[in-house]
Protein backbone atom coordinates (compact mmCIF):
# COMPACT_ATOMS: atom_id res chain seq x y z
CA MET A 1 0.00 0.00 0.00
CA GLU A 2 1.03 3.53 -0.56
CA ILE A 3 1.93 5.68 2.40
CA ASN A 4 -0.65 8.20 1.22
CA SER A 5 -3.52 5.72 1.51
CA LEU A 6 -2.27 4.48 4.89
CA MET A 7 -2.15 8.01 6.27
CA SER A 8 -5.56 8.75 4.82
CA ALA A 9 -7.05 5.71 6.56
CA GLN A 10 -5.41 6.72 9.85
CA VAL A 11 -6.75 10.28 9.58
CA ALA A 12 -10.25 8.95 8.93
CA GLN A 13 -10.00 6.68 11.98
CA ILE A 14 -8.76 9.55 14.17
CA GLN A 15 -11.61 11.77 12.96
CA GLN A 16 -14.16 9.09 13.79
CA THR A 17 -12.66 8.56 17.26
CA LEU A 18 -12.69 12.30 17.92
CA GLN A 19 -16.30 12.65 16.76
CA MET A 20 -17.38 9.77 19.01
CA GLY A 21 -15.58 11.36 21.96
CA ILE A 22 -17.27 14.71 21.38
CA LEU A 23 -20.67 13.04 20.98
CA ASP A 24 -20.16 11.05 24.18
CA LYS A 25 -19.20 14.17 26.12
CA ALA A 26 -22.21 16.09 24.78
CA MET A 27 -24.58 13.28 25.72
CA ASN A 28 -23.14 13.10 29.23
CA GLN A 29 -23.56 16.85 29.69
CA GLY A 30 -27.13 16.64 28.41
CA ALA A 31 -27.96 13.82 30.81
CA ALA A 32 -26.39 15.70 33.72
CA GLY A 33 -28.43 18.78 32.84
CA ALA A 34 -31.65 16.77 32.68
CA ILE A 35 -30.94 15.15 36.05
CA GLU A 36 -30.21 18.55 37.61
CA MET A 37 -33.43 19.97 36.17
CA LEU A 38 -35.47 17.07 37.55
CA ASN A 39 -33.87 17.45 40.97
CA ASP A 40 -34.66 21.18 40.95
CA MET A 41 -38.28 20.46 40.01
CA SER A 42 -38.75 18.05 42.89
CA ALA A 43 -37.14 20.51 45.33
CA GLN A 44 -39.57 23.32 44.49
CA GLN A 45 -42.48 23.80 46.84
CA THR A 46 -45.85 23.50 45.19
CA THR A 47 -48.68 25.92 45.84
CA PRO A 48 -51.29 24.33 48.10
CA HIS A 49 -54.66 23.54 46.60
CA PRO A 50 -57.32 26.03 47.79
CA TYR A 51 -59.58 23.37 49.36
CA LYS A 52 -58.13 19.91 48.73
CA GLY A 53 -57.11 18.21 51.97
CA GLN A 54 -59.16 20.58 54.13
CA ILE A 55 -62.48 20.02 55.84
CA VAL A 56 -65.33 21.59 53.90
CA ASP A 57 -68.73 22.01 55.58
CA VAL A 58 -71.46 21.38 53.06
CA GLN A 59 -75.14 21.82 53.92
CA VAL A 60 -77.98 20.94 51.64
């Protein structure tokens, strides 16, 4: 094989490895962001319902 074709194949392999590394890092950051967002949502206090869970006197 020619040295040119060998180097070309190696460059293509390095590019693929680099792209996979960048994609993996981006997915990990996205997952971490989603987990943080879900944790923040569960930590927020919800507004109490105006009458649910309270005694209501109803006369007919």
